[in-house]
């Protein structure tokens, strides 16, 4: 009986460690709402307790084309695109650099 809980714990640790734990990553962005800037949109899943705004900005900038800047537009907590460990989703728009 003691082997089962240990195996379950080992599997849980492997899954959490293998998926990057709590590092922000790109996902499907929110659709544009009236009045928001136009351009390529980027969604980033993140944990609001562990991820800094600088981490989100850097991840969004990696997803944007080189001649653009990632500008934050919105965030939500709909877990359709982000997992339980990274439940928040930030949406950025890639705007042309001036």
PDB file of N, CA and C in Angstrom:
ATOM      1  N   UNK A   1       0.803  -1.203   0.000  1.00  0.00           N
ATOM      2  CA  UNK A   1       0.000   0.000   0.000  1.00  0.00           C
ATOM      3  C   UNK A   1       0.846   1.267   0.000  1.00  0.00           C
ATOM      4  N   UNK A   2       2.029   1.240   0.550  1.00  0.00           N
ATOM      5  CA  UNK A   2       2.846   2.444   0.601  1.00  0.00           C
ATOM      6  C   UNK A   2       3.480   2.769  -0.741  1.00  0.00           C
ATOM      7  N   UNK A   3       3.544   1.825  -1.646  1.00  0.00           N
ATOM      8  CA  UNK A   3       4.133   2.083  -2.968  1.00  0.00           C
ATOM      9  C   UNK A   3       3.235   2.971  -3.824  1.00  0.00           C
ATOM     10  N   UNK A   4       1.928   2.804  -3.722  1.00  0.00           N
ATOM     11  CA  UNK A   4       1.006   3.571  -4.568  1.00  0.00           C
ATOM     12  C   UNK A   4       1.105   5.067  -4.327  1.00  0.00           C
ATOM     13  N   UNK A   5       1.020   5.552  -3.090  1.00  0.00           N
ATOM     14  CA  UNK A   5       1.150   7.004  -2.885  1.00  0.00           C
ATOM     15  C   UNK A   5       2.508   7.535  -3.333  1.00  0.00           C
ATOM     16  N   UNK A   6       3.550   6.755  -3.121  1.00  0.00           N
ATOM     17  CA  UNK A   6       4.883   7.200  -3.534  1.00  0.00           C
ATOM     18  C   UNK A   6       4.983   7.295  -5.049  1.00  0.00           C
ATOM     19  N   UNK A   7       4.408   6.350  -5.749  1.00  0.00           N
ATOM     20  CA  UNK A   7       4.430   6.377  -7.220  1.00  0.00           C
ATOM     21  C   UNK A   7       3.606   7.550  -7.735  1.00  0.00           C
ATOM     22  N   UNK A   8       2.442   7.791  -7.119  1.00  0.00           N
ATOM     23  CA  UNK A   8       1.610   8.930  -7.516  1.00  0.00           C
ATOM     24  C   UNK A   8       2.320  10.251  -7.309  1.00  0.00           C
ATOM     25  N   UNK A   9       3.014  10.381  -6.184  1.00  0.00           N
ATOM     26  CA  UNK A   9       3.768  11.603  -5.909  1.00  0.00           C
ATOM     27  C   UNK A   9       4.903  11.778  -6.911  1.00  0.00           C
ATOM     28  N   UNK A  10       5.583  10.708  -7.229  1.00  0.00           N
ATOM     29  CA  UNK A  10       6.670  10.754  -8.208  1.00  0.00           C
ATOM     30  C   UNK A  10       6.163  11.178  -9.584  1.00  0.00           C
ATOM     31  N   UNK A  11       5.032  10.663  -9.991  1.00  0.00           N
ATOM     32  CA  UNK A  11       4.445  11.040 -11.285  1.00  0.00           C
ATOM     33  C   UNK A  11       4.045  12.515 -11.284  1.00  0.00           C
ATOM     34  N   UNK A  12       3.439  12.978 -10.192  1.00  0.00           N
ATOM     35  CA  UNK A  12       3.028  14.387 -10.104  1.00  0.00           C
ATOM     36  C   UNK A  12       4.234  15.316 -10.176  1.00  0.00           C
ATOM     37  N   UNK A  13       5.306  14.977  -9.492  1.00  0.00           N
ATOM     38  CA  UNK A  13       6.518  15.798  -9.529  1.00  0.00           C
ATOM     39  C   UNK A  13       7.117  15.803 -10.929  1.00  0.00           C
ATOM     40  N   UNK A  14       7.137  14.669 -11.598  1.00  0.00           N
ATOM     41  CA  UNK A  14       7.682  14.590 -12.954  1.00  0.00           C
ATOM     42  C   UNK A  14       6.863  15.420 -13.933  1.00  0.00           C
ATOM     43  N   UNK A  15       5.549  15.371 -13.805  1.00  0.00           N
ATOM     44  CA  UNK A  15       4.685  16.148 -14.703  1.00  0.00           C
ATOM     45  C   UNK A  15       4.892  17.641 -14.480  1.00  0.00           C
ATOM     46  N   UNK A  16       4.898  18.068 -13.221  1.00  0.00           N
ATOM     47  CA  UNK A  16       5.074  19.492 -12.930  1.00  0.00           C
ATOM     48  C   UNK A  16       6.462  19.975 -13.324  1.00  0.00           C
ATOM     49  N   UNK A  17       7.468  19.187 -13.092  1.00  0.00           N
ATOM     50  CA  UNK A  17       8.826  19.577 -13.470  1.00  0.00           C
ATOM     51  C   UNK A  17       9.039  19.556 -14.964  1.00  0.00           C
ATOM     52  N   UNK A  18       8.413  18.624 -15.633  1.00  0.00           N
ATOM     53  CA  UNK A  18       8.598  18.493 -17.075  1.00  0.00           C
ATOM     54  C   UNK A  18       7.909  19.570 -17.881  1.00  0.00           C
ATOM     55  N   UNK A  19       6.860  20.162 -17.362  1.00  0.00           N
ATOM     56  CA  UNK A  19       6.141  21.173 -18.139  1.00  0.00           C
ATOM     57  C   UNK A  19       6.612  22.580 -17.808  1.00  0.00           C
ATOM     58  N   UNK A  20       7.733  22.702 -17.156  1.00  0.00           N
ATOM     59  CA  UNK A  20       8.263  24.030 -16.873  1.00  0.00           C
ATOM     60  C   UNK A  20       7.740  24.632 -15.590  1.00  0.00           C
ATOM     61  N   UNK A  21       6.974  23.867 -14.838  1.00  0.00           N
ATOM     62  CA  UNK A  21       6.478  24.359 -13.553  1.00  0.00           C
ATOM     63  C   UNK A  21       5.562  25.554 -13.720  1.00  0.00           C
ATOM     64  N   UNK A  22       6.101  26.726 -13.540  1.00  0.00           N
ATOM     65  CA  UNK A  22       5.281  27.940 -13.570  1.00  0.00           C
ATOM     66  C   UNK A  22       5.863  29.013 -14.476  1.00  0.00           C
ATOM     67  N   UNK A  23       6.529  28.647 -15.524  1.00  0.00           N
ATOM     68  CA  UNK A  23       7.085  29.622 -16.466  1.00  0.00           C
ATOM     69  C   UNK A  23       5.998  30.088 -17.433  1.00  0.00           C
ATOM     70  N   UNK A  24       5.888  31.391 -17.667  1.00  0.00           N
ATOM     71  CA  UNK A  24       4.901  31.889 -18.638  1.00  0.00           C
ATOM     72  C   UNK A  24       5.180  31.341 -20.042  1.00  0.00           C
ATOM     73  N   UNK A  25       4.128  31.122 -20.814  1.00  0.00           N
ATOM     74  CA  UNK A  25       4.291  30.646 -22.189  1.00  0.00           C
ATOM     75  C   UNK A  25       3.163  31.163 -23.077  1.00  0.00           C
ATOM     76  N   UNK A  26       3.402  31.138 -24.379  1.00  0.00           N
ATOM     77  CA  UNK A  26       2.447  31.670 -25.357  1.00  0.00           C
ATOM     78  C   UNK A  26       1.242  30.747 -25.512  1.00  0.00           C
ATOM     79  N   UNK A  27       0.103  31.366 -25.767  1.00  0.00           N
ATOM     80  CA  UNK A  27      -1.146  30.635 -25.989  1.00  0.00           C
ATOM     81  C   UNK A  27      -2.020  31.450 -26.943  1.00  0.00           C
ATOM     82  N   UNK A  28      -3.250  31.054 -27.090  1.00  0.00           N
ATOM     83  CA  UNK A  28      -4.210  31.756 -27.951  1.00  0.00           C
ATOM     84  C   UNK A  28      -4.591  33.085 -27.290  1.00  0.00           C
ATOM     85  N   UNK A  29      -4.485  34.215 -28.005  1.00  0.00           N
ATOM     86  CA  UNK A  29      -4.849  35.509 -27.409  1.00  0.00           C
ATOM     87  C   UNK A  29      -6.354  35.733 -27.417  1.00  0.00           C
ATOM     88  N   UNK A  30      -6.798  36.722 -26.635  1.00  0.00           N
ATOM     89  CA  UNK A  30      -8.195  37.144 -26.669  1.00  0.00           C
ATOM     90  C   UNK A  30      -8.482  37.798 -28.014  1.00  0.00           C
ATOM     91  N   UNK A  31      -9.738  37.757 -28.415  1.00  0.00           N
ATOM     92  CA  UNK A  31     -10.120  38.465 -29.635  1.00  0.00           C
ATOM     93  C   UNK A  31     -10.172  39.962 -29.343  1.00  0.00           C
ATOM     94  N   UNK A  32      -9.950  40.750 -30.386  1.00  0.00           N
ATOM     95  CA  UNK A  32      -9.930  42.209 -30.233  1.00  0.00           C
ATOM     96  C   UNK A  32     -11.321  42.737 -29.928  1.00  0.00           C
ATOM     97  N   UNK A  33     -11.362  43.713 -29.026  1.00  0.00           N
ATOM     98  CA  UNK A  33     -12.610  44.403 -28.703  1.00  0.00           C
ATOM     99  C   UNK A  33     -12.569  45.786 -29.323  1.00  0.00           C
ATOM    100  N   UNK A  34     -13.727  46.392 -29.552  1.00  0.00           N
ATOM    101  CA  UNK A  34     -13.743  47.737 -30.135  1.00  0.00           C
ATOM    102  C   UNK A  34     -12.930  48.708 -29.282  1.00  0.00           C
ATOM    103  N   UNK A  35     -12.127  49.537 -29.947  1.00  0.00           N
ATOM    104  CA  UNK A  35     -11.325  50.525 -29.257  1.00  0.00           C
ATOM    105  C   UNK A  35      -9.921  50.058 -28.898  1.00  0.00           C
ATOM    106  N   UNK A  36      -9.640  48.762 -29.016  1.00  0.00           N
ATOM    107  CA  UNK A  36      -8.295  48.263 -28.724  1.00  0.00           C
ATOM    108  C   UNK A  36      -7.416  48.417 -29.963  1.00  0.00           C
ATOM    109  N   UNK A  37      -6.100  48.520 -29.756  1.00  0.00           N
ATOM    110  CA  UNK A  37      -5.192  48.646 -30.902  1.00  0.00           C
ATOM    111  C   UNK A  37      -5.279  47.429 -31.820  1.00  0.00           C
ATOM    112  N   UNK A  38      -5.019  47.656 -33.088  1.00  0.00           N
ATOM    113  CA  UNK A  38      -5.033  46.559 -34.055  1.00  0.00           C
ATOM    114  C   UNK A  38      -3.613  46.043 -34.254  1.00  0.00           C
ATOM    115  N   UNK A  39      -3.511  44.875 -34.794  1.00  0.00           N
ATOM    116  CA  UNK A  39      -2.215  44.251 -35.051  1.00  0.00           C
ATOM    117  C   UNK A  39      -2.206  42.811 -34.570  1.00  0.00           C
ATOM    118  N   UNK A  40      -1.071  42.162 -34.760  1.00  0.00           N
ATOM    119  CA  UNK A  40      -0.916  40.778 -34.312  1.00  0.00           C
ATOM    120  C   UNK A  40      -1.086  40.723 -32.795  1.00  0.00           C
ATOM    121  N   UNK A  41      -1.868  39.761 -32.332  1.00  0.00           N
ATOM    122  CA  UNK A  41      -2.121  39.614 -30.902  1.00  0.00           C
ATOM    123  C   UNK A  41      -1.393  38.384 -30.378  1.00  0.00           C
ATOM    124  N   UNK A  42      -0.922  38.469 -29.143  1.00  0.00           N
ATOM    125  CA  UNK A  42      -0.187  37.390 -28.490  1.00  0.00           C
ATOM    126  C   UNK A  42      -0.797  37.150 -27.123  1.00  0.00           C
ATOM    127  N   UNK A  43      -1.075  35.897 -26.795  1.00  0.00           N
ATOM    128  CA  UNK A  43      -1.576  35.541 -25.475  1.00  0.00           C
ATOM    129  C   UNK A  43      -0.478  34.842 -24.682  1.00  0.00           C
ATOM    130  N   UNK A  44      -0.388  35.128 -23.385  1.00  0.00           N
ATOM    131  CA  UNK A  44       0.617  34.528 -22.511  1.00  0.00           C
ATOM    132  C   UNK A  44      -0.085  33.982 -21.266  1.00  0.00           C
ATOM    133  N   UNK A  45       0.055  32.669 -21.020  1.00  0.00           N
ATOM    134  CA  UNK A  45      -0.438  32.067 -19.778  1.00  0.00           C
ATOM    135  C   UNK A  45       0.601  32.309 -18.697  1.00  0.00           C
ATOM    136  N   UNK A  46       0.129  32.667 -17.505  1.00  0.00           N
ATOM    137  CA  UNK A  46       1.066  32.935 -16.412  1.00  0.00           C
ATOM    138  C   UNK A  46       0.396  32.737 -15.058  1.00  0.00           C
ATOM    139  N   UNK A  47       1.213  32.654 -14.020  1.00  0.00           N
ATOM    140  CA  UNK A  47       0.754  32.581 -12.648  1.00  0.00           C
ATOM    141  C   UNK A  47       0.949  33.964 -12.045  1.00  0.00           C
ATOM    142  N   UNK A  48      -0.128  34.601 -11.643  1.00  0.00           N
ATOM    143  CA  UNK A  48      -0.039  35.985 -11.169  1.00  0.00           C
ATOM    144  C   UNK A  48       0.730  36.122  -9.852  1.00  0.00           C
ATOM    145  N   UNK A  49       0.929  35.041  -9.129  1.00  0.00           N
ATOM    146  CA  UNK A  49       1.695  35.093  -7.891  1.00  0.00           C
ATOM    147  C   UNK A  49       3.192  34.891  -8.114  1.00  0.00           C
ATOM    148  N   UNK A  50       3.576  34.236  -9.205  1.00  0.00           N
ATOM    149  CA  UNK A  50       4.978  33.892  -9.426  1.00  0.00           C
ATOM    150  C   UNK A  50       5.616  34.592 -10.619  1.00  0.00           C
ATOM    151  N   UNK A  51       4.824  35.076 -11.544  1.00  0.00           N
ATOM    152  CA  UNK A  51       5.363  35.690 -12.757  1.00  0.00           C
ATOM    153  C   UNK A  51       5.404  37.206 -12.619  1.00  0.00           C
ATOM    154  N   UNK A  52       6.516  37.800 -12.976  1.00  0.00           N
ATOM    155  CA  UNK A  52       6.644  39.255 -12.910  1.00  0.00           C
ATOM    156  C   UNK A  52       6.172  39.877 -14.231  1.00  0.00           C
ATOM    157  N   UNK A  53       5.794  41.148 -14.202  1.00  0.00           N
ATOM    158  CA  UNK A  53       5.433  41.832 -15.443  1.00  0.00           C
ATOM    159  C   UNK A  53       6.579  41.797 -16.467  1.00  0.00           C
ATOM    160  N   UNK A  54       7.809  41.850 -15.997  1.00  0.00           N
ATOM    161  CA  UNK A  54       8.960  41.794 -16.909  1.00  0.00           C
ATOM    162  C   UNK A  54       9.032  40.450 -17.625  1.00  0.00           C
ATOM    163  N   UNK A  55       8.712  39.355 -16.932  1.00  0.00           N
ATOM    164  CA  UNK A  55       8.696  38.037 -17.566  1.00  0.00           C
ATOM    165  C   UNK A  55       7.619  37.964 -18.642  1.00  0.00           C
ATOM    166  N   UNK A  56       6.456  38.502 -18.345  1.00  0.00           N
ATOM    167  CA  UNK A  56       5.364  38.489 -19.325  1.00  0.00           C
ATOM    168  C   UNK A  56       5.731  39.311 -20.551  1.00  0.00           C
ATOM    169  N   UNK A  57       6.292  40.490 -20.314  1.00  0.00           N
ATOM    170  CA  UNK A  57       6.690  41.365 -21.415  1.00  0.00           C
ATOM    171  C   UNK A  57       7.742  40.680 -22.289  1.00  0.00           C
ATOM    172  N   UNK A  58       8.720  40.044 -21.666  1.00  0.00           N
ATOM    173  CA  UNK A  58       9.785  39.371 -22.421  1.00  0.00           C
ATOM    174  C   UNK A  58       9.227  38.219 -23.247  1.00  0.00           C
ATOM    175  N   UNK A  59       8.324  37.434 -22.681  1.00  0.00           N
ATOM    176  CA  UNK A  59       7.735  36.310 -23.415  1.00  0.00           C
ATOM    177  C   UNK A  59       6.887  36.815 -24.581  1.00  0.00           C
ATOM    178  N   UNK A  60       6.106  37.872 -24.354  1.00  0.00           N
ATOM    179  CA  UNK A  60       5.290  38.447 -25.426  1.00  0.00           C
ATOM    180  C   UNK A  60       6.179  39.025 -26.526  1.00  0.00           C
ATOM    181  N   UNK A  61       7.264  39.678 -26.154  1.00  0.00           N
ATOM    182  CA  UNK A  61       8.171  40.272 -27.142  1.00  0.00           C
ATOM    183  C   UNK A  61       8.806  39.193 -28.009  1.00  0.00           C
ATOM    184  N   UNK A  62       9.101  38.024 -27.429  1.00  0.00           N
ATOM    185  CA  UNK A  62       9.665  36.908 -28.217  1.00  0.00           C
ATOM    186  C   UNK A  62       8.682  36.424 -29.273  1.00  0.00           C
ATOM    187  N   UNK A  63       7.385  36.553 -29.002  1.00  0.00           N
ATOM    188  CA  UNK A  63       6.360  36.101 -29.943  1.00  0.00           C
ATOM    189  C   UNK A  63       6.052  37.129 -31.025  1.00  0.00           C
ATOM    190  N   UNK A  64       6.382  38.388 -30.785  1.00  0.00           N
ATOM    191  CA  UNK A  64       6.116  39.453 -31.757  1.00  0.00           C
ATOM    192  C   UNK A  64       7.220  39.513 -32.816  1.00  0.00           C
ATOM    193  N   UNK A  65       6.908  40.016 -34.010  1.00  0.00           N
ATOM    194  CA  UNK A  65       7.944  40.212 -35.035  1.00  0.00           C
ATOM    195  C   UNK A  65       9.019  41.183 -34.544  1.00  0.00           C
ATOM    196  N   UNK A  66      10.238  41.107 -35.089  1.00  0.00           N
ATOM    197  CA  UNK A  66      11.365  41.912 -34.606  1.00  0.00           C
ATOM    198  C   UNK A  66      11.158  43.430 -34.662  1.00  0.00           C
ATOM    199  N   UNK A  67      10.419  43.926 -35.638  1.00  0.00           N
ATOM    200  CA  UNK A  67      10.261  45.377 -35.791  1.00  0.00           C
ATOM    201  C   UNK A  67       9.041  45.931 -35.041  1.00  0.00           C
ATOM    202  N   UNK A  68       8.524  45.159 -34.080  1.00  0.00           N
ATOM    203  CA  UNK A  68       7.359  45.593 -33.306  1.00  0.00           C
ATOM    204  C   UNK A  68       7.656  45.527 -31.809  1.00  0.00           C
ATOM    205  N   UNK A  69       6.779  46.139 -31.025  1.00  0.00           N
ATOM    206  CA  UNK A  69       6.886  46.106 -29.566  1.00  0.00           C
ATOM    207  C   UNK A  69       5.595  45.521 -28.996  1.00  0.00           C
ATOM    208  N   UNK A  70       5.726  44.655 -28.016  1.00  0.00           N
ATOM    209  CA  UNK A  70       4.563  44.046 -27.367  1.00  0.00           C
ATOM    210  C   UNK A  70       3.948  45.043 -26.389  1.00  0.00           C
ATOM    211  N   UNK A  71       2.686  45.374 -26.634  1.00  0.00           N
ATOM    212  CA  UNK A  71       1.962  46.324 -25.786  1.00  0.00           C
ATOM    213  C   UNK A  71       0.835  45.577 -25.070  1.00  0.00           C
ATOM    214  N   UNK A  72       0.805  45.600 -23.714  1.00  0.00           N
ATOM    215  CA  UNK A  72      -0.269  44.897 -22.996  1.00  0.00           C
ATOM    216  C   UNK A  72      -1.628  45.524 -23.292  1.00  0.00           C
ATOM    217  N   UNK A  73      -2.628  44.657 -23.481  1.00  0.00           N
ATOM    218  CA  UNK A  73      -3.967  45.126 -23.804  1.00  0.00           C
ATOM    219  C   UNK A  73      -4.983  44.697 -22.750  1.00  0.00           C
ATOM    220  N   UNK A  74      -4.926  43.431 -22.340  1.00  0.00           N
ATOM    221  CA  UNK A  74      -5.955  42.914 -21.439  1.00  0.00           C
ATOM    222  C   UNK A  74      -5.452  41.656 -20.745  1.00  0.00           C
ATOM    223  N   UNK A  75      -6.179  41.221 -19.729  1.00  0.00           N
ATOM    224  CA  UNK A  75      -5.898  39.935 -19.091  1.00  0.00           C
ATOM    225  C   UNK A  75      -7.214  39.327 -18.641  1.00  0.00           C
ATOM    226  N   UNK A  76      -7.229  38.014 -18.487  1.00  0.00           N
ATOM    227  CA  UNK A  76      -8.431  37.321 -18.039  1.00  0.00           C
ATOM    228  C   UNK A  76      -8.050  36.066 -17.276  1.00  0.00           C
ATOM    229  N   UNK A  77      -9.045  35.435 -16.685  1.00  0.00           N
ATOM    230  CA  UNK A  77      -8.840  34.218 -15.907  1.00  0.00           C
ATOM    231  C   UNK A  77      -9.677  33.069 -16.444  1.00  0.00           C
ATOM    232  N   UNK A  78     -10.076  33.098 -17.709  1.00  0.00           N
ATOM    233  CA  UNK A  78     -10.830  31.999 -18.314  1.00  0.00           C
ATOM    234  C   UNK A  78      -9.853  30.861 -18.573  1.00  0.00           C
ATOM    235  N   UNK A  79     -10.075  29.727 -17.957  1.00  0.00           N
ATOM    236  CA  UNK A  79      -9.107  28.640 -18.031  1.00  0.00           C
ATOM    237  C   UNK A  79      -9.348  27.707 -19.214  1.00  0.00           C
ATOM    238  N   UNK A  80      -9.861  28.224 -20.319  1.00  0.00           N
ATOM    239  CA  UNK A  80     -10.050  27.410 -21.508  1.00  0.00           C
ATOM    240  C   UNK A  80      -8.726  27.200 -22.234  1.00  0.00           C
ATOM    241  N   UNK A  81      -7.803  28.145 -22.115  1.00  0.00           N
ATOM    242  CA  UNK A  81      -6.541  28.067 -22.839  1.00  0.00           C
ATOM    243  C   UNK A  81      -5.330  27.927 -21.927  1.00  0.00           C
ATOM    244  N   UNK A  82      -5.484  28.149 -20.635  1.00  0.00           N
ATOM    245  CA  UNK A  82      -4.372  28.083 -19.691  1.00  0.00           C
ATOM    246  C   UNK A  82      -4.659  27.040 -18.614  1.00  0.00           C
ATOM    247  N   UNK A  83      -3.620  26.320 -18.157  1.00  0.00           N
ATOM    248  CA  UNK A  83      -3.823  25.268 -17.166  1.00  0.00           C
ATOM    249  C   UNK A  83      -4.002  25.817 -15.749  1.00  0.00           C
ATOM    250  N   UNK A  84      -4.293  24.926 -14.826  1.00  0.00           N
ATOM    251  CA  UNK A  84      -4.562  25.304 -13.448  1.00  0.00           C
ATOM    252  C   UNK A  84      -3.385  26.002 -12.781  1.00  0.00           C
ATOM    253  N   UNK A  85      -2.141  25.591 -13.076  1.00  0.00           N
ATOM    254  CA  UNK A  85      -0.977  26.205 -12.447  1.00  0.00           C
ATOM    255  C   UNK A  85      -0.644  27.582 -13.027  1.00  0.00           C
ATOM    256  N   UNK A  86      -1.137  27.878 -14.213  1.00  0.00           N
ATOM    257  CA  UNK A  86      -0.923  29.183 -14.858  1.00  0.00           C
ATOM    258  C   UNK A  86      -2.276  29.698 -15.332  1.00  0.00           C
ATOM    259  N   UNK A  87      -3.176  30.031 -14.410  1.00  0.00           N
ATOM    260  CA  UNK A  87      -4.564  30.290 -14.790  1.00  0.00           C
ATOM    261  C   UNK A  87      -4.838  31.634 -15.456  1.00  0.00           C
ATOM    262  N   UNK A  88      -3.939  32.578 -15.355  1.00  0.00           N
ATOM    263  CA  UNK A  88      -4.182  33.902 -15.930  1.00  0.00           C
ATOM    264  C   UNK A  88      -3.657  33.965 -17.361  1.00  0.00           C
ATOM    265  N   UNK A  89      -4.310  34.774 -18.179  1.00  0.00           N
ATOM    266  CA  UNK A  89      -3.863  34.967 -19.569  1.00  0.00           C
ATOM    267  C   UNK A  89      -3.774  36.462 -19.848  1.00  0.00           C
ATOM    268  N   UNK A  90      -2.592  36.900 -20.228  1.00  0.00           N
ATOM    269  CA  UNK A  90      -2.375  38.289 -20.630  1.00  0.00           C
ATOM    270  C   UNK A  90      -2.378  38.347 -22.145  1.00  0.00           C
ATOM    271  N   UNK A  91      -2.986  39.382 -22.693  1.00  0.00           N
ATOM    272  CA  UNK A  91      -3.006  39.566 -24.141  1.00  0.00           C
ATOM    273  C   UNK A  91      -2.237  40.826 -24.495  1.00  0.00           C
ATOM    274  N   UNK A  92      -1.366  40.703 -25.465  1.00  0.00           N
ATOM    275  CA  UNK A  92      -0.538  41.806 -25.954  1.00  0.00           C
ATOM    276  C   UNK A  92      -0.829  42.014 -27.429  1.00  0.00           C
ATOM    277  N   UNK A  93      -0.593  43.238 -27.907  1.00  0.00           N
ATOM    278  CA  UNK A  93      -0.678  43.558 -29.330  1.00  0.00           C
ATOM    279  C   UNK A  93       0.718  43.970 -29.776  1.00  0.00           C
ATOM    280  N   UNK A  94       1.160  43.443 -30.918  1.00  0.00           N
ATOM    281  CA  UNK A  94       2.455  43.803 -31.482  1.00  0.00           C
ATOM    282  C   UNK A  94       2.264  45.069 -32.322  1.00  0.00           C
ATOM    283  N   UNK A  95       2.771  46.195 -31.825  1.00  0.00           N
ATOM    284  CA  UNK A  95       2.623  47.464 -32.535  1.00  0.00           C
ATOM    285  C   UNK A  95       3.972  47.866 -33.135  1.00  0.00           C
ATOM    286  N   UNK A  96       3.929  48.570 -34.252  1.00  0.00           N
ATOM    287  CA  UNK A  96       5.155  48.994 -34.928  1.00  0.00           C
ATOM    288  C   UNK A  96       5.947  49.927 -34.032  1.00  0.00           C
ATOM    289  N   UNK A  97       7.275  49.726 -34.003  1.00  0.00           N
ATOM    290  CA  UNK A  97       8.143  50.615 -33.232  1.00  0.00           C
ATOM    291  C   UNK A  97       8.228  51.942 -33.929  1.00  0.00           C
ATOM    292  N   UNK A  98       8.301  53.019 -33.148  1.00  0.00           N
ATOM    293  CA  UNK A  98       8.349  54.365 -33.722  1.00  0.00           C
ATOM    294  C   UNK A  98       9.766  54.860 -33.753  1.00  0.00           C
TER     295      UNK A  98
END
